[in-house]
Amino acid sequence: MSLTFKNISYSKVGSGPHLCFLHGFCENSEIWEELIASLSSRFTCIAIDLPGFGKSSQMAFGSLTQVANQVHELLVAENATHTIMCGHSMGGYILADYMEQYGTELRGAAFMHSSAMADSAEKKINREKTIRFIEKRGTKEFFSFFVPGLVAPLHVDIAKEKMTPMVSSTPTSSIIAGLEGMKNREDKRAVLSQFKKPVLWLLGEKDTHYSKDDVYKMAALCKLSQVSVLEDVGHLSMLEDQKKCLHEVQAFLNFVESVSGT
């Protein structure tokens, strides 16, 4: 079911306990379709087009804190704040901010190819260079190297087929605002040690965005963690290997339910 809340577009399907899905940079809620198709028989799945992206593209993408607040307002309106939240890449950065503000309401948190760390100095410089590149040369050339870099070499064709229409529809202003938001985000590792619910860390073995060591260090800060490393997968397991992704997410959801007793 396609819905709108304060110009934020989102889908809501299924029945049962709530799951909330936050997509990554230059994506939209369609990235979760296959996963939701399998999970909606057990859960009420809410997938949000974040401000500036997808069908919410007419809105401005602000700071990650602002977006986290907008997500919370939507979930309050849906009576769905007692949820397990899944964030992919940039969506995971928003999840970390959400945990800091509203973590007591969550049942669990899933960082899917994501991090609670701030950008390194080098990465901040690279994001700034990307912004200047897009301002000067537009998005087409940016997408030509951005999309293949999201996946393991084995899955480049899948990425081009599935991701190109998605990223190409993203307004340039949203791309730049997203890069600024990610560049300026604060480190949220302290939040992890304060969060008492289960946390999933899902990582592709071929993901060049985050090191395995960093992911294990973040997992060690959590009270309850599941770390899942997927072979022959890059940054987009939801597209690269849907079966493996679903298996690990289902294992995590079972973990959350066993801990919460629901």
C-alpha atoms as a PDB file:
ATOM      1  CA  MET A   1       0.000   0.000   0.000  1.00  0.00           C
ATOM      2  CA  SER A   2       1.451   3.367  -1.071  1.00  0.00           C
ATOM      3  CA  LEU A   3       0.924   6.164   1.453  1.00  0.00           C
ATOM      4  CA  THR A   4       2.057   9.717   2.150  1.00  0.00           C
ATOM      5  CA  PHE A   5       2.822  11.538   5.411  1.00  0.00           C
ATOM      6  CA  LYS A   6       3.791  15.220   5.227  1.00  0.00           C
ATOM      7  CA  ASN A   7       4.940  14.675   1.631  1.00  0.00           C
ATOM      8  CA  ILE A   8       7.048  11.635   2.604  1.00  0.00           C
ATOM      9  CA  SER A   9       6.097   8.654   0.463  1.00  0.00           C
ATOM     10  CA  TYR A  10       6.163   5.180   1.976  1.00  0.00           C
ATOM     11  CA  SER A  11       4.728   1.711   1.549  1.00  0.00           C
ATOM     12  CA  LYS A  12       3.051  -0.431   4.174  1.00  0.00           C
ATOM     13  CA  VAL A  13       2.340  -4.113   3.623  1.00  0.00           C
ATOM     14  CA  GLY A  14       1.854  -7.252   5.694  1.00  0.00           C
ATOM     15  CA  SER A  15       0.694  -7.893   9.227  1.00  0.00           C
ATOM     16  CA  GLY A  16       2.264  -8.520  12.605  1.00  0.00           C
ATOM     17  CA  PRO A  17       5.083  -6.709  14.442  1.00  0.00           C
ATOM     18  CA  HIS A  18       6.561  -3.706  12.663  1.00  0.00           C
ATOM     19  CA  LEU A  19       9.688  -3.524  10.549  1.00  0.00           C
ATOM     20  CA  CYS A  20      10.905  -0.175   9.188  1.00  0.00           C
ATOM     21  CA  PHE A  21      13.284   0.055   6.218  1.00  0.00           C
ATOM     22  CA  LEU A  22      15.552   3.025   5.404  1.00  0.00           C
ATOM     23  CA  HIS A  23      17.274   2.900   2.021  1.00  0.00           C
ATOM     24  CA  GLY A  24      20.743   4.108   1.111  1.00  0.00           C
ATOM     25  CA  PHE A  25      22.210   6.976  -0.889  1.00  0.00           C
ATOM     26  CA  CYS A  26      20.695   7.468  -4.374  1.00  0.00           C
ATOM     27  CA  GLU A  27      18.275   4.610  -3.708  1.00  0.00           C
ATOM     28  CA  ASN A  28      14.584   4.480  -2.815  1.00  0.00           C
ATOM     29  CA  SER A  29      12.274   2.072  -1.040  1.00  0.00           C
ATOM     30  CA  GLU A  30      12.172  -0.226  -4.084  1.00  0.00           C
ATOM     31  CA  ILE A  31      15.542  -1.611  -2.976  1.00  0.00           C
ATOM     32  CA  TRP A  32      13.686  -3.580  -0.283  1.00  0.00           C
ATOM     33  CA  GLU A  33      10.937  -5.089  -2.469  1.00  0.00           C
ATOM     34  CA  GLU A  34      12.190  -8.675  -2.621  1.00  0.00           C
ATOM     35  CA  LEU A  35      13.036  -8.763   1.075  1.00  0.00           C
ATOM     36  CA  ILE A  36       9.659  -7.340   2.046  1.00  0.00           C
ATOM     37  CA  ALA A  37       7.845  -9.813  -0.220  1.00  0.00           C
ATOM     38  CA  SER A  38       9.258 -12.621   1.923  1.00  0.00           C
ATOM     39  CA  LEU A  39       8.903 -10.927   5.325  1.00  0.00           C
ATOM     40  CA  SER A  40       5.430  -9.415   5.022  1.00  0.00           C
ATOM     41  CA  SER A  41       3.738 -12.694   5.912  1.00  0.00           C
ATOM     42  CA  ARG A  42       5.108 -12.300   9.466  1.00  0.00           C
ATOM     43  CA  PHE A  43       5.638  -8.550   9.813  1.00  0.00           C
ATOM     44  CA  THR A  44       4.072  -5.220   8.960  1.00  0.00           C
ATOM     45  CA  CYS A  45       6.750  -3.731   6.707  1.00  0.00           C
ATOM     46  CA  ILE A  46       7.079   0.042   6.314  1.00  0.00           C
ATOM     47  CA  ALA A  47       9.567   1.149   3.652  1.00  0.00           C
ATOM     48  CA  ILE A  48      10.199   4.878   3.406  1.00  0.00           C
ATOM     49  CA  ASP A  49      11.342   7.005   0.488  1.00  0.00           C
ATOM     50  CA  LEU A  50      13.633   9.321   2.427  1.00  0.00           C
ATOM     51  CA  PRO A  51      13.241  13.072   1.803  1.00  0.00           C
ATOM     52  CA  GLY A  52      14.825  13.990  -1.518  1.00  0.00           C
ATOM     53  CA  PHE A  53      14.685  10.453  -2.931  1.00  0.00           C
ATOM     54  CA  GLY A  54      12.194   8.232  -4.728  1.00  0.00           C
ATOM     55  CA  LYS A  55       8.649   9.575  -4.625  1.00  0.00           C
ATOM     56  CA  SER A  56       9.723  11.988  -1.846  1.00  0.00           C
ATOM     57  CA  SER A  57      12.154  13.684  -4.238  1.00  0.00           C
ATOM     58  CA  GLN A  58      10.307  17.011  -4.135  1.00  0.00           C
ATOM     59  CA  MET A  59      11.391  17.423  -0.505  1.00  0.00           C
ATOM     60  CA  ALA A  60      14.749  18.706   0.717  1.00  0.00           C
ATOM     61  CA  PHE A  61      17.150  16.247   2.334  1.00  0.00           C
ATOM     62  CA  GLY A  62      18.419  17.925   5.504  1.00  0.00           C
ATOM     63  CA  SER A  63      20.852  16.740   8.155  1.00  0.00           C
ATOM     64  CA  LEU A  64      20.712  13.092   9.220  1.00  0.00           C
ATOM     65  CA  THR A  65      19.229  14.235  12.535  1.00  0.00           C
ATOM     66  CA  GLN A  66      16.446  16.080  10.732  1.00  0.00           C
ATOM     67  CA  VAL A  67      15.680  13.024   8.628  1.00  0.00           C
ATOM     68  CA  ALA A  68      15.665  10.775  11.716  1.00  0.00           C
ATOM     69  CA  ASN A  69      13.130  13.123  13.291  1.00  0.00           C
ATOM     70  CA  GLN A  70      10.956  12.989  10.154  1.00  0.00           C
ATOM     71  CA  VAL A  71      11.072   9.188  10.218  1.00  0.00           C
ATOM     72  CA  HIS A  72      10.025   9.209  13.866  1.00  0.00           C
ATOM     73  CA  GLU A  73       7.090  11.528  13.142  1.00  0.00           C
ATOM     74  CA  LEU A  74       5.908   9.149  10.443  1.00  0.00           C
ATOM     75  CA  LEU A  75       6.192   6.111  12.712  1.00  0.00           C
ATOM     76  CA  VAL A  76       4.323   7.926  15.487  1.00  0.00           C
ATOM     77  CA  ALA A  77       1.520   8.633  13.015  1.00  0.00           C
ATOM     78  CA  GLU A  78       1.481   4.925  12.104  1.00  0.00           C
ATOM     79  CA  ASN A  79       1.609   3.846  15.761  1.00  0.00           C
ATOM     80  CA  ALA A  80       4.706   1.895  14.724  1.00  0.00           C
ATOM     81  CA  THR A  81       7.547   3.242  16.874  1.00  0.00           C
ATOM     82  CA  HIS A  82       7.956  -0.151  18.599  1.00  0.00           C
ATOM     83  CA  THR A  83       9.752  -1.446  15.536  1.00  0.00           C
ATOM     84  CA  ILE A  84      12.851  -3.201  14.296  1.00  0.00           C
ATOM     85  CA  MET A  85      14.621  -0.694  12.039  1.00  0.00           C
ATOM     86  CA  CYS A  86      16.802  -1.719   9.108  1.00  0.00           C
ATOM     87  CA  GLY A  87      19.104   0.808   7.467  1.00  0.00           C
ATOM     88  CA  HIS A  88      21.185   0.269   4.355  1.00  0.00           C
ATOM     89  CA  SER A  89      24.374   2.359   4.023  1.00  0.00           C
ATOM     90  CA  MET A  90      23.187   5.989   4.421  1.00  0.00           C
ATOM     91  CA  GLY A  91      19.984   4.585   5.921  1.00  0.00           C
ATOM     92  CA  GLY A  92      22.168   3.005   8.608  1.00  0.00           C
ATOM     93  CA  TYR A  93      23.710   6.383   9.394  1.00  0.00           C
ATOM     94  CA  ILE A  94      20.183   7.704   9.918  1.00  0.00           C
ATOM     95  CA  LEU A  95      19.399   4.629  12.025  1.00  0.00           C
ATOM     96  CA  ALA A  96      22.367   5.419  14.295  1.00  0.00           C
ATOM     97  CA  ASP A  97      21.028   8.949  14.801  1.00  0.00           C
ATOM     98  CA  TYR A  98      17.550   7.545  15.389  1.00  0.00           C
ATOM     99  CA  MET A  99      18.935   5.171  18.039  1.00  0.00           C
ATOM    100  CA  GLU A 100      20.497   8.107  19.873  1.00  0.00           C
ATOM    101  CA  GLN A 101      17.202   9.954  20.040  1.00  0.00           C
ATOM    102  CA  TYR A 102      14.568   7.215  20.134  1.00  0.00           C
ATOM    103  CA  GLY A 103      16.470   4.010  20.850  1.00  0.00           C
ATOM    104  CA  THR A 104      14.345   3.044  23.844  1.00  0.00           C
ATOM    105  CA  GLU A 105      11.370   2.642  21.507  1.00  0.00           C
ATOM    106  CA  LEU A 106      13.103   0.246  19.110  1.00  0.00           C
ATOM    107  CA  ARG A 107      13.008  -3.549  19.374  1.00  0.00           C
ATOM    108  CA  GLY A 108      16.187  -3.992  17.365  1.00  0.00           C
ATOM    109  CA  ALA A 109      18.474  -2.337  14.822  1.00  0.00           C
ATOM    110  CA  ALA A 110      19.932  -3.763  11.620  1.00  0.00           C
ATOM    111  CA  PHE A 111      22.941  -2.083  10.020  1.00  0.00           C
ATOM    112  CA  MET A 112      22.994  -3.499   6.510  1.00  0.00           C
ATOM    113  CA  HIS A 113      26.269  -2.624   4.805  1.00  0.00           C
ATOM    114  CA  SER A 114      26.569   0.398   7.058  1.00  0.00           C
ATOM    115  CA  SER A 115      28.386   1.938   9.999  1.00  0.00           C
ATOM    116  CA  ALA A 116      27.933   4.021  13.144  1.00  0.00           C
ATOM    117  CA  MET A 117      31.296   5.718  12.605  1.00  0.00           C
ATOM    118  CA  ALA A 118      31.809   9.214  11.222  1.00  0.00           C
ATOM    119  CA  ASP A 119      33.613   9.699   7.936  1.00  0.00           C
ATOM    120  CA  SER A 120      37.380   9.625   8.161  1.00  0.00           C
ATOM    121  CA  ALA A 121      39.251  12.779   7.157  1.00  0.00           C
ATOM    122  CA  GLU A 122      40.104  11.125   3.839  1.00  0.00           C
ATOM    123  CA  LYS A 123      36.505  10.164   3.166  1.00  0.00           C
ATOM    124  CA  LYS A 124      35.308  13.694   3.947  1.00  0.00           C
ATOM    125  CA  ILE A 125      37.751  15.026   1.364  1.00  0.00           C
ATOM    126  CA  ASN A 126      36.549  12.475  -1.189  1.00  0.00           C
ATOM    127  CA  ARG A 127      32.911  13.411  -0.607  1.00  0.00           C
ATOM    128  CA  GLU A 128      33.785  17.076  -1.121  1.00  0.00           C
ATOM    129  CA  LYS A 129      35.603  16.208  -4.334  1.00  0.00           C
ATOM    130  CA  THR A 130      32.533  14.274  -5.506  1.00  0.00           C
ATOM    131  CA  ILE A 131      30.286  17.263  -4.803  1.00  0.00           C
ATOM    132  CA  ARG A 132      32.563  19.548  -6.814  1.00  0.00           C
ATOM    133  CA  PHE A 133      32.732  16.941  -9.620  1.00  0.00           C
ATOM    134  CA  ILE A 134      28.921  16.723  -9.839  1.00  0.00           C
ATOM    135  CA  GLU A 135      28.519  20.486  -9.721  1.00  0.00           C
ATOM    136  CA  LYS A 136      30.955  20.835 -12.615  1.00  0.00           C
ATOM    137  CA  ARG A 137      30.182  17.791 -14.761  1.00  0.00           C
ATOM    138  CA  GLY A 138      26.728  16.581 -13.732  1.00  0.00           C
ATOM    139  CA  THR A 139      25.560  13.190 -12.520  1.00  0.00           C
ATOM    140  CA  LYS A 140      25.822  10.943 -15.588  1.00  0.00           C
ATOM    141  CA  GLU A 141      29.576  10.445 -15.352  1.00  0.00           C
ATOM    142  CA  PHE A 142      29.336  10.108 -11.563  1.00  0.00           C
ATOM    143  CA  PHE A 143      26.825   7.280 -11.924  1.00  0.00           C
ATOM    144  CA  SER A 144      29.093   5.490 -14.412  1.00  0.00           C
ATOM    145  CA  PHE A 145      31.598   4.700 -11.647  1.00  0.00           C
ATOM    146  CA  PHE A 146      29.265   4.923  -8.625  1.00  0.00           C
ATOM    147  CA  VAL A 147      26.956   2.046  -9.614  1.00  0.00           C
ATOM    148  CA  PRO A 148      29.621  -0.606 -10.441  1.00  0.00           C
ATOM    149  CA  GLY A 149      31.427   0.244  -7.196  1.00  0.00           C
ATOM    150  CA  LEU A 150      28.413  -0.819  -5.151  1.00  0.00           C
ATOM    151  CA  VAL A 151      28.727  -4.534  -5.847  1.00  0.00           C
ATOM    152  CA  ALA A 152      31.162  -7.398  -6.118  1.00  0.00           C
ATOM    153  CA  PRO A 153      32.656  -7.712  -9.646  1.00  0.00           C
ATOM    154  CA  LEU A 154      30.507 -10.797 -10.172  1.00  0.00           C
ATOM    155  CA  HIS A 155      27.329  -8.706  -9.900  1.00  0.00           C
ATOM    156  CA  VAL A 156      28.103  -5.576 -11.923  1.00  0.00           C
ATOM    157  CA  ASP A 157      25.490  -6.421 -14.566  1.00  0.00           C
ATOM    158  CA  ILE A 158      22.803  -6.828 -11.895  1.00  0.00           C
ATOM    159  CA  ALA A 159      23.753  -3.475 -10.397  1.00  0.00           C
ATOM    160  CA  LYS A 160      23.593  -1.701 -13.744  1.00  0.00           C
ATOM    161  CA  GLU A 161      20.203  -3.226 -14.549  1.00  0.00           C
ATOM    162  CA  LYS A 162      18.571  -2.646 -11.164  1.00  0.00           C
ATOM    163  CA  MET A 163      20.289   0.481  -9.891  1.00  0.00           C
ATOM    164  CA  THR A 164      20.700   2.663 -12.972  1.00  0.00           C
ATOM    165  CA  PRO A 165      16.985   3.575 -13.281  1.00  0.00           C
ATOM    166  CA  MET A 166      16.839   4.190  -9.523  1.00  0.00           C
ATOM    167  CA  VAL A 167      19.857   6.470  -9.232  1.00  0.00           C
ATOM    168  CA  SER A 168      19.193   8.260 -12.519  1.00  0.00           C
ATOM    169  CA  SER A 169      15.864   9.543 -11.223  1.00  0.00           C
ATOM    170  CA  THR A 170      17.493  11.160  -8.167  1.00  0.00           C
ATOM    171  CA  PRO A 171      17.614  14.976  -8.357  1.00  0.00           C
ATOM    172  CA  THR A 172      21.096  16.476  -8.399  1.00  0.00           C
ATOM    173  CA  SER A 173      20.172  18.648  -5.409  1.00  0.00           C
ATOM    174  CA  SER A 174      19.338  15.529  -3.381  1.00  0.00           C
ATOM    175  CA  ILE A 175      22.590  13.840  -4.350  1.00  0.00           C
ATOM    176  CA  ILE A 176      24.610  16.834  -3.188  1.00  0.00           C
ATOM    177  CA  ALA A 177      22.539  17.229  -0.015  1.00  0.00           C
ATOM    178  CA  GLY A 178      22.984  13.528   0.762  1.00  0.00           C
ATOM    179  CA  LEU A 179      26.748  13.780   0.316  1.00  0.00           C
ATOM    180  CA  GLU A 180      26.838  16.830   2.590  1.00  0.00           C
ATOM    181  CA  GLY A 181      24.740  15.072   5.220  1.00  0.00           C
ATOM    182  CA  MET A 182      26.939  11.979   5.224  1.00  0.00           C
ATOM    183  CA  LYS A 183      30.132  14.050   5.277  1.00  0.00           C
ATOM    184  CA  ASN A 184      28.974  16.102   8.260  1.00  0.00           C
ATOM    185  CA  ARG A 185      27.505  13.299  10.368  1.00  0.00           C
ATOM    186  CA  GLU A 186      28.831  12.710  13.870  1.00  0.00           C
ATOM    187  CA  ASP A 187      30.347   9.511  15.202  1.00  0.00           C
ATOM    188  CA  LYS A 188      27.686   7.409  16.932  1.00  0.00           C
ATOM    189  CA  ARG A 189      29.729   4.544  18.364  1.00  0.00           C
ATOM    190  CA  ALA A 190      28.945   5.690  21.915  1.00  0.00           C
ATOM    191  CA  VAL A 191      25.277   5.111  21.119  1.00  0.00           C
ATOM    192  CA  LEU A 192      25.944   1.432  20.457  1.00  0.00           C
ATOM    193  CA  SER A 193      27.092   0.682  23.988  1.00  0.00           C
ATOM    194  CA  GLN A 194      23.974   2.370  25.390  1.00  0.00           C
ATOM    195  CA  PHE A 195      21.554   0.441  23.179  1.00  0.00           C
ATOM    196  CA  LYS A 196      20.302  -2.647  24.991  1.00  0.00           C
ATOM    197  CA  LYS A 197      18.454  -4.380  22.152  1.00  0.00           C
ATOM    198  CA  PRO A 198      19.851  -6.739  19.481  1.00  0.00           C
ATOM    199  CA  VAL A 199      21.880  -5.257  16.622  1.00  0.00           C
ATOM    200  CA  LEU A 200      22.603  -6.862  13.248  1.00  0.00           C
ATOM    201  CA  TRP A 201      25.799  -6.069  11.346  1.00  0.00           C
ATOM    202  CA  LEU A 202      25.468  -7.395   7.805  1.00  0.00           C
ATOM    203  CA  LEU A 203      28.581  -7.045   5.671  1.00  0.00           C
ATOM    204  CA  GLY A 204      29.507  -8.157   2.176  1.00  0.00           C
ATOM    205  CA  GLU A 205      32.911  -9.798   1.950  1.00  0.00           C
ATOM    206  CA  LYS A 206      33.655  -7.751  -1.186  1.00  0.00           C
ATOM    207  CA  ASP A 207      32.287  -4.473   0.210  1.00  0.00           C
ATOM    208  CA  THR A 208      34.929  -1.782  -0.224  1.00  0.00           C
ATOM    209  CA  HIS A 209      33.022   0.803   1.816  1.00  0.00           C
ATOM    210  CA  TYR A 210      33.724  -0.606   5.301  1.00  0.00           C
ATOM    211  CA  SER A 211      36.451  -2.794   6.737  1.00  0.00           C
ATOM    212  CA  LYS A 212      35.578  -6.049   8.427  1.00  0.00           C
ATOM    213  CA  ASP A 213      37.722  -5.047  11.416  1.00  0.00           C
ATOM    214  CA  ASP A 214      35.699  -1.870  11.944  1.00  0.00           C
ATOM    215  CA  VAL A 215      32.442  -3.800  11.786  1.00  0.00           C
ATOM    216  CA  TYR A 216      33.615  -6.310  14.395  1.00  0.00           C
ATOM    217  CA  LYS A 217      34.787  -3.483  16.645  1.00  0.00           C
ATOM    218  CA  MET A 218      31.376  -1.819  16.421  1.00  0.00           C
ATOM    219  CA  ALA A 219      29.641  -5.122  17.089  1.00  0.00           C
ATOM    220  CA  ALA A 220      31.793  -5.575  20.201  1.00  0.00           C
ATOM    221  CA  LEU A 221      30.385  -2.323  21.599  1.00  0.00           C
ATOM    222  CA  CYS A 222      26.836  -3.675  21.507  1.00  0.00           C
ATOM    223  CA  LYS A 223      25.204  -5.639  24.291  1.00  0.00           C
ATOM    224  CA  LEU A 224      23.652  -8.100  21.814  1.00  0.00           C
ATOM    225  CA  SER A 225      25.052  -8.510  18.294  1.00  0.00           C
ATOM    226  CA  GLN A 226      24.757 -10.698  15.246  1.00  0.00           C
ATOM    227  CA  VAL A 227      27.507 -10.307  12.649  1.00  0.00           C
ATOM    228  CA  SER A 228      26.844 -11.766   9.213  1.00  0.00           C
ATOM    229  CA  VAL A 229      29.539 -11.687   6.515  1.00  0.00           C
ATOM    230  CA  LEU A 230      28.284 -12.732   3.085  1.00  0.00           C
ATOM    231  CA  GLU A 231      30.708 -14.276   0.588  1.00  0.00           C
ATOM    232  CA  ASP A 232      30.872 -12.958  -2.984  1.00  0.00           C
ATOM    233  CA  VAL A 233      28.742  -9.954  -2.036  1.00  0.00           C
ATOM    234  CA  GLY A 234      29.594  -6.252  -2.112  1.00  0.00           C
ATOM    235  CA  HIS A 235      27.500  -3.370  -0.797  1.00  0.00           C
ATOM    236  CA  LEU A 236      24.061  -4.505  -2.003  1.00  0.00           C
ATOM    237  CA  SER A 237      23.199  -7.980  -0.759  1.00  0.00           C
ATOM    238  CA  MET A 238      19.478  -7.202  -1.233  1.00  0.00           C
ATOM    239  CA  LEU A 239      20.165  -7.333  -4.991  1.00  0.00           C
ATOM    240  CA  GLU A 240      23.364  -9.374  -5.238  1.00  0.00           C
ATOM    241  CA  ASP A 241      22.254 -12.429  -3.276  1.00  0.00           C
ATOM    242  CA  GLN A 242      18.683 -12.128  -2.063  1.00  0.00           C
ATOM    243  CA  LYS A 243      18.630 -15.654  -0.635  1.00  0.00           C
ATOM    244  CA  LYS A 244      21.658 -15.083   1.614  1.00  0.00           C
ATOM    245  CA  CYS A 245      20.407 -11.654   2.649  1.00  0.00           C
ATOM    246  CA  LEU A 246      16.967 -12.982   3.550  1.00  0.00           C
ATOM    247  CA  HIS A 247      18.452 -15.884   5.526  1.00  0.00           C
ATOM    248  CA  GLU A 248      20.568 -13.595   7.699  1.00  0.00           C
ATOM    249  CA  VAL A 249      17.778 -11.061   8.230  1.00  0.00           C
ATOM    250  CA  GLN A 250      15.330 -13.814   9.200  1.00  0.00           C
ATOM    251  CA  ALA A 251      17.881 -15.213  11.659  1.00  0.00           C
ATOM    252  CA  PHE A 252      18.209 -11.757  13.201  1.00  0.00           C
ATOM    253  CA  LEU A 253      14.438 -11.289  13.450  1.00  0.00           C
ATOM    254  CA  ASN A 254      14.177 -14.653  15.206  1.00  0.00           C
ATOM    255  CA  PHE A 255      16.951 -13.495  17.542  1.00  0.00           C
ATOM    256  CA  VAL A 256      15.046 -10.298  18.373  1.00  0.00           C
ATOM    257  CA  GLU A 257      11.845 -12.193  19.022  1.00  0.00           C
ATOM    258  CA  SER A 258      13.568 -14.755  21.249  1.00  0.00           C
ATOM    259  CA  VAL A 259      15.118 -11.964  23.328  1.00  0.00           C
ATOM    260  CA  SER A 260      11.937  -9.913  23.593  1.00  0.00           C
ATOM    261  CA  GLY A 261       9.718 -12.934  24.142  1.00  0.00           C
ATOM    262  CA  THR A 262       7.302 -11.896  21.386  1.00  0.00           C
END
